[in-house]
Each structure stands twice: as C-alpha cells, then as structure tokens.
Amino acid sequence: GIKDSMIANLESLKEQGAQIIIASF
C-alpha cells in the first residue's frame, strides 16, 4: 500500500533535478 507514495516521492526527486536516486526501504 506504500507503493504509490513511494513512486510520488521518486517523481518529486526527479523534478528537483536529481541525477542519481538512491531508495532505501
């Protein structure tokens, strides 16, 4: 159930210009 908010956070990082994204779970 956390998937959608996780994807939204990924999109936010891309919008902020992140060139490398590291996701911790």
PDB file of all heavy atoms in Angstrom:
ATOM      1  N   GLY A   1       0.800  -1.224   0.000  1.00  0.00           N
ATOM      2  CA  GLY A   1       0.000   0.000   0.000  1.00  0.00           C
ATOM      3  C   GLY A   1       0.832   1.272   0.000  1.00  0.00           C
ATOM      4  O   GLY A   1       0.315   2.366  -0.217  1.00  0.00           O
ATOM      5  N   ILE A   2       2.131   1.112   0.224  1.00  0.00           N
ATOM      6  CA  ILE A   2       3.018   2.284   0.246  1.00  0.00           C
ATOM      7  C   ILE A   2       3.552   2.610  -1.144  1.00  0.00           C
ATOM      8  O   ILE A   2       4.217   3.642  -1.336  1.00  0.00           O
ATOM      9  CB  ILE A   2       4.200   2.013   1.221  1.00  0.00           C
ATOM     10  CG1 ILE A   2       4.829   3.338   1.694  1.00  0.00           C
ATOM     11  CG2 ILE A   2       5.260   1.131   0.577  1.00  0.00           C
ATOM     12  CD1 ILE A   2       3.993   4.116   2.637  1.00  0.00           C
ATOM     13  N   LYS A   3       3.253   1.750  -2.118  1.00  0.00           N
ATOM     14  CA  LYS A   3       3.866   1.894  -3.449  1.00  0.00           C
ATOM     15  C   LYS A   3       3.584   3.250  -4.089  1.00  0.00           C
ATOM     16  O   LYS A   3       4.494   3.910  -4.606  1.00  0.00           O
ATOM     17  CB  LYS A   3       3.395   0.786  -4.388  1.00  0.00           C
ATOM     18  CG  LYS A   3       4.065   0.863  -5.769  1.00  0.00           C
ATOM     19  CD  LYS A   3       3.397  -0.053  -6.789  1.00  0.00           C
ATOM     20  CE  LYS A   3       3.662  -1.499  -6.492  1.00  0.00           C
ATOM     21  NZ  LYS A   3       3.144  -2.389  -7.590  1.00  0.00           N
ATOM     22  N   ASP A   4       2.359   3.695  -4.073  1.00  0.00           N
ATOM     23  CA  ASP A   4       2.005   4.943  -4.765  1.00  0.00           C
ATOM     24  C   ASP A   4       2.744   6.144  -4.187  1.00  0.00           C
ATOM     25  O   ASP A   4       3.242   7.001  -4.931  1.00  0.00           O
ATOM     26  CB  ASP A   4       0.496   5.183  -4.708  1.00  0.00           C
ATOM     27  CG  ASP A   4      -0.283   4.212  -5.590  1.00  0.00           C
ATOM     28  OD1 ASP A   4       0.348   3.588  -6.468  1.00  0.00           O
ATOM     29  OD2 ASP A   4      -1.504   4.090  -5.380  1.00  0.00           O
ATOM     30  N   SER A   5       2.820   6.218  -2.855  1.00  0.00           N
ATOM     31  CA  SER A   5       3.521   7.357  -2.246  1.00  0.00           C
ATOM     32  C   SER A   5       5.026   7.269  -2.518  1.00  0.00           C
ATOM     33  O   SER A   5       5.700   8.298  -2.690  1.00  0.00           O
ATOM     34  CB  SER A   5       3.244   7.419  -0.745  1.00  0.00           C
ATOM     35  OG  SER A   5       3.748   6.287  -0.075  1.00  0.00           O
ATOM     36  N   MET A   6       5.545   6.048  -2.588  1.00  0.00           N
ATOM     37  CA  MET A   6       6.956   5.868  -2.908  1.00  0.00           C
ATOM     38  C   MET A   6       7.251   6.369  -4.322  1.00  0.00           C
ATOM     39  O   MET A   6       8.231   7.090  -4.558  1.00  0.00           O
ATOM     40  CB  MET A   6       7.335   4.392  -2.777  1.00  0.00           C
ATOM     41  CG  MET A   6       8.786   4.068  -3.104  1.00  0.00           C
ATOM     42  SD  MET A   6       9.022   3.600  -4.861  1.00  0.00           S
ATOM     43  CE  MET A   6       8.160   2.044  -4.947  1.00  0.00           C
ATOM     44  N   ILE A   7       6.380   6.017  -5.271  1.00  0.00           N
ATOM     45  CA  ILE A   7       6.555   6.476  -6.656  1.00  0.00           C
ATOM     46  C   ILE A   7       6.425   7.996  -6.747  1.00  0.00           C
ATOM     47  O   ILE A   7       7.166   8.664  -7.482  1.00  0.00           O
ATOM     48  CB  ILE A   7       5.542   5.772  -7.579  1.00  0.00           C
ATOM     49  CG1 ILE A   7       5.863   4.267  -7.661  1.00  0.00           C
ATOM     50  CG2 ILE A   7       5.543   6.394  -8.977  1.00  0.00           C
ATOM     51  CD1 ILE A   7       4.828   3.448  -8.416  1.00  0.00           C
ATOM     52  N   ALA A   8       5.484   8.546  -5.974  1.00  0.00           N
ATOM     53  CA  ALA A   8       5.323  10.007  -5.960  1.00  0.00           C
ATOM     54  C   ALA A   8       6.595  10.696  -5.451  1.00  0.00           C
ATOM     55  O   ALA A   8       6.998  11.750  -5.966  1.00  0.00           O
ATOM     56  CB  ALA A   8       4.132  10.392  -5.092  1.00  0.00           C
ATOM     57  N   ASN A   9       7.240  10.092  -4.454  1.00  0.00           N
ATOM     58  CA  ASN A   9       8.493  10.653  -3.944  1.00  0.00           C
ATOM     59  C   ASN A   9       9.615  10.577  -4.979  1.00  0.00           C
ATOM     60  O   ASN A   9      10.438  11.490  -5.093  1.00  0.00           O
ATOM     61  CB  ASN A   9       8.910   9.940  -2.661  1.00  0.00           C
ATOM     62  CG  ASN A   9       8.082  10.358  -1.461  1.00  0.00           C
ATOM     63  OD1 ASN A   9       7.516  11.452  -1.426  1.00  0.00           O
ATOM     64  ND2 ASN A   9       7.995   9.487  -0.458  1.00  0.00           N
ATOM     65  N   LEU A  10       9.638   9.489  -5.728  1.00  0.00           N
ATOM     66  CA  LEU A  10      10.617   9.375  -6.807  1.00  0.00           C
ATOM     67  C   LEU A  10      10.405  10.476  -7.844  1.00  0.00           C
ATOM     68  O   LEU A  10      11.369  11.098  -8.319  1.00  0.00           O
ATOM     69  CB  LEU A  10      10.518   7.997  -7.475  1.00  0.00           C
ATOM     70  CG  LEU A  10      11.071   6.810  -6.679  1.00  0.00           C
ATOM     71  CD1 LEU A  10      10.651   5.497  -7.343  1.00  0.00           C
ATOM     72  CD2 LEU A  10      12.593   6.884  -6.596  1.00  0.00           C
ATOM     73  N   GLU A  11       9.169  10.729  -8.184  1.00  0.00           N
ATOM     74  CA  GLU A  11       8.858  11.783  -9.157  1.00  0.00           C
ATOM     75  C   GLU A  11       9.282  13.145  -8.627  1.00  0.00           C
ATOM     76  O   GLU A  11       9.788  13.984  -9.373  1.00  0.00           O
ATOM     77  CB  GLU A  11       7.361  11.781  -9.484  1.00  0.00           C
ATOM     78  CG  GLU A  11       6.895  10.583 -10.291  1.00  0.00           C
ATOM     79  CD  GLU A  11       7.577  10.494 -11.652  1.00  0.00           C
ATOM     80  OE1 GLU A  11       7.800  11.558 -12.282  1.00  0.00           O
ATOM     81  OE2 GLU A  11       7.910   9.365 -12.075  1.00  0.00           O
ATOM     82  N   SER A  12       9.073  13.359  -7.339  1.00  0.00           N
ATOM     83  CA  SER A  12       9.465  14.631  -6.735  1.00  0.00           C
ATOM     84  C   SER A  12      10.972  14.833  -6.816  1.00  0.00           C
ATOM     85  O   SER A  12      11.443  15.947  -7.118  1.00  0.00           O
ATOM     86  CB  SER A  12       9.004  14.687  -5.274  1.00  0.00           C
ATOM     87  OG  SER A  12       9.400  15.891  -4.663  1.00  0.00           O
ATOM     88  N   LEU A  13      11.731  13.785  -6.573  1.00  0.00           N
ATOM     89  CA  LEU A  13      13.190  13.898  -6.661  1.00  0.00           C
ATOM     90  C   LEU A  13      13.633  14.208  -8.092  1.00  0.00           C
ATOM     91  O   LEU A  13      14.545  15.017  -8.310  1.00  0.00           O
ATOM     92  CB  LEU A  13      13.854  12.607  -6.175  1.00  0.00           C
ATOM     93  CG  LEU A  13      13.820  12.363  -4.660  1.00  0.00           C
ATOM     94  CD1 LEU A  13      14.381  10.982  -4.330  1.00  0.00           C
ATOM     95  CD2 LEU A  13      14.606  13.437  -3.916  1.00  0.00           C
ATOM     96  N   LYS A  14      12.984  13.577  -9.054  1.00  0.00           N
ATOM     97  CA  LYS A  14      13.328  13.865 -10.453  1.00  0.00           C
ATOM     98  C   LYS A  14      13.009  15.308 -10.798  1.00  0.00           C
ATOM     99  O   LYS A  14      13.773  15.976 -11.512  1.00  0.00           O
ATOM    100  CB  LYS A  14      12.595  12.899 -11.383  1.00  0.00           C
ATOM    101  CG  LYS A  14      13.158  11.477 -11.335  1.00  0.00           C
ATOM    102  CD  LYS A  14      12.553  10.563 -12.385  1.00  0.00           C
ATOM    103  CE  LYS A  14      11.167  10.106 -12.004  1.00  0.00           C
ATOM    104  NZ  LYS A  14      10.627   9.098 -12.962  1.00  0.00           N
ATOM    105  N   GLU A  15      11.884  15.804 -10.290  1.00  0.00           N
ATOM    106  CA  GLU A  15      11.516  17.201 -10.544  1.00  0.00           C
ATOM    107  C   GLU A  15      12.514  18.171  -9.913  1.00  0.00           C
ATOM    108  O   GLU A  15      12.715  19.283 -10.412  1.00  0.00           O
ATOM    109  CB  GLU A  15      10.111  17.479 -10.001  1.00  0.00           C
ATOM    110  CG  GLU A  15       8.999  16.796 -10.791  1.00  0.00           C
ATOM    111  CD  GLU A  15       7.646  16.913 -10.113  1.00  0.00           C
ATOM    112  OE1 GLU A  15       7.581  17.551  -9.030  1.00  0.00           O
ATOM    113  OE2 GLU A  15       6.657  16.367 -10.645  1.00  0.00           O
ATOM    114  N   GLN A  16      13.146  17.725  -8.830  1.00  0.00           N
ATOM    115  CA  GLN A  16      14.153  18.565  -8.170  1.00  0.00           C
ATOM    116  C   GLN A  16      15.524  18.463  -8.842  1.00  0.00           C
ATOM    117  O   GLN A  16      16.493  19.069  -8.387  1.00  0.00           O
ATOM    118  CB  GLN A  16      14.270  18.177  -6.697  1.00  0.00           C
ATOM    119  CG  GLN A  16      13.027  18.477  -5.871  1.00  0.00           C
ATOM    120  CD  GLN A  16      13.171  18.043  -4.419  1.00  0.00           C
ATOM    121  OE1 GLN A  16      14.109  18.450  -3.724  1.00  0.00           O
ATOM    122  NE2 GLN A  16      12.246  17.219  -3.953  1.00  0.00           N
ATOM    123  N   GLY A  17      15.591  17.695  -9.915  1.00  0.00           N
ATOM    124  CA  GLY A  17      16.819  17.621 -10.690  1.00  0.00           C
ATOM    125  C   GLY A  17      17.793  16.546 -10.276  1.00  0.00           C
ATOM    126  O   GLY A  17      18.957  16.568 -10.704  1.00  0.00           O
ATOM    127  N   ALA A  18      17.347  15.582  -9.455  1.00  0.00           N
ATOM    128  CA  ALA A  18      18.252  14.520  -9.023  1.00  0.00           C
ATOM    129  C   ALA A  18      18.742  13.715 -10.231  1.00  0.00           C
ATOM    130  O   ALA A  18      17.955  13.254 -11.046  1.00  0.00           O
ATOM    131  CB  ALA A  18      17.549  13.597  -8.027  1.00  0.00           C
ATOM    132  N   GLN A  19      20.059  13.562 -10.322  1.00  0.00           N
ATOM    133  CA  GLN A  19      20.666  12.811 -11.420  1.00  0.00           C
ATOM    134  C   GLN A  19      20.938  11.359 -11.034  1.00  0.00           C
ATOM    135  O   GLN A  19      21.073  10.495 -11.890  1.00  0.00           O
ATOM    136  CB  GLN A  19      21.965  13.501 -11.849  1.00  0.00           C
ATOM    137  CG  GLN A  19      21.761  14.908 -12.404  1.00  0.00           C
ATOM    138  CD  GLN A  19      23.029  15.721 -12.430  1.00  0.00           C
ATOM    139  OE1 GLN A  19      23.372  16.361 -11.441  1.00  0.00           O
ATOM    140  NE2 GLN A  19      23.727  15.716 -13.549  1.00  0.00           N
ATOM    141  N   ILE A  20      21.072  11.123  -9.736  1.00  0.00           N
ATOM    142  CA  ILE A  20      21.211   9.774  -9.187  1.00  0.00           C
ATOM    143  C   ILE A  20      20.201   9.673  -8.051  1.00  0.00           C
ATOM    144  O   ILE A  20      20.136  10.559  -7.204  1.00  0.00           O
ATOM    145  CB  ILE A  20      22.631   9.523  -8.645  1.00  0.00           C
ATOM    146  CG1 ILE A  20      23.672   9.662  -9.764  1.00  0.00           C
ATOM    147  CG2 ILE A  20      22.729   8.138  -8.003  1.00  0.00           C
ATOM    148  CD1 ILE A  20      25.115   9.641  -9.255  1.00  0.00           C
ATOM    149  N   ILE A  21      19.418   8.596  -8.037  1.00  0.00           N
ATOM    150  CA  ILE A  21      18.419   8.424  -6.973  1.00  0.00           C
ATOM    151  C   ILE A  21      18.674   7.103  -6.259  1.00  0.00           C
ATOM    152  O   ILE A  21      18.761   6.045  -6.888  1.00  0.00           O
ATOM    153  CB  ILE A  21      16.985   8.450  -7.543  1.00  0.00           C
ATOM    154  CG1 ILE A  21      16.686   9.819  -8.172  1.00  0.00           C
ATOM    155  CG2 ILE A  21      15.974   8.143  -6.439  1.00  0.00           C
ATOM    156  CD1 ILE A  21      15.315   9.924  -8.803  1.00  0.00           C
ATOM    157  N   ILE A  22      18.797   7.215  -4.927  1.00  0.00           N
ATOM    158  CA  ILE A  22      19.020   6.034  -4.089  1.00  0.00           C
ATOM    159  C   ILE A  22      17.821   5.871  -3.160  1.00  0.00           C
ATOM    160  O   ILE A  22      17.493   6.780  -2.394  1.00  0.00           O
ATOM    161  CB  ILE A  22      20.319   6.184  -3.282  1.00  0.00           C
ATOM    162  CG1 ILE A  22      21.508   6.363  -4.241  1.00  0.00           C
ATOM    163  CG2 ILE A  22      20.538   4.978  -2.373  1.00  0.00           C
ATOM    164  CD1 ILE A  22      22.810   6.721  -3.555  1.00  0.00           C
ATOM    165  N   ALA A  23      17.184   4.719  -3.250  1.00  0.00           N
ATOM    166  CA  ALA A  23      15.957   4.451  -2.483  1.00  0.00           C
ATOM    167  C   ALA A  23      16.231   3.434  -1.388  1.00  0.00           C
ATOM    168  O   ALA A  23      16.690   2.318  -1.664  1.00  0.00           O
ATOM    169  CB  ALA A  23      14.860   3.950  -3.416  1.00  0.00           C
ATOM    170  N   SER A  24      15.964   3.840  -0.145  1.00  0.00           N
ATOM    171  CA  SER A  24      16.113   2.933   0.997  1.00  0.00           C
ATOM    172  C   SER A  24      14.744   2.433   1.440  1.00  0.00           C
ATOM    173  O   SER A  24      13.773   3.200   1.449  1.00  0.00           O
ATOM    174  CB  SER A  24      16.798   3.653   2.165  1.00  0.00           C
ATOM    175  OG  SER A  24      18.140   3.961   1.855  1.00  0.00           O
ATOM    176  N   PHE A  25      14.686   1.142   1.813  1.00  0.00           N
ATOM    177  CA  PHE A  25      13.426   0.530   2.266  1.00  0.00           C
ATOM    178  C   PHE A  25      13.654  -0.197   3.583  1.00  0.00           C
ATOM    179  O   PHE A  25      14.641  -0.910   3.755  1.00  0.00           O
ATOM    180  CB  PHE A  25      12.920  -0.480   1.233  1.00  0.00           C
ATOM    181  CG  PHE A  25      12.407   0.130  -0.032  1.00  0.00           C
ATOM    182  CD1 PHE A  25      13.266   0.387  -1.094  1.00  0.00           C
ATOM    183  CD2 PHE A  25      11.054   0.438  -0.188  1.00  0.00           C
ATOM    184  CE1 PHE A  25      12.803   0.943  -2.273  1.00  0.00           C
ATOM    185  CE2 PHE A  25      10.574   0.991  -1.373  1.00  0.00           C
ATOM    186  CZ  PHE A  25      11.454   1.244  -2.416  1.00  0.00           C
TER     187      PHE A  25
END
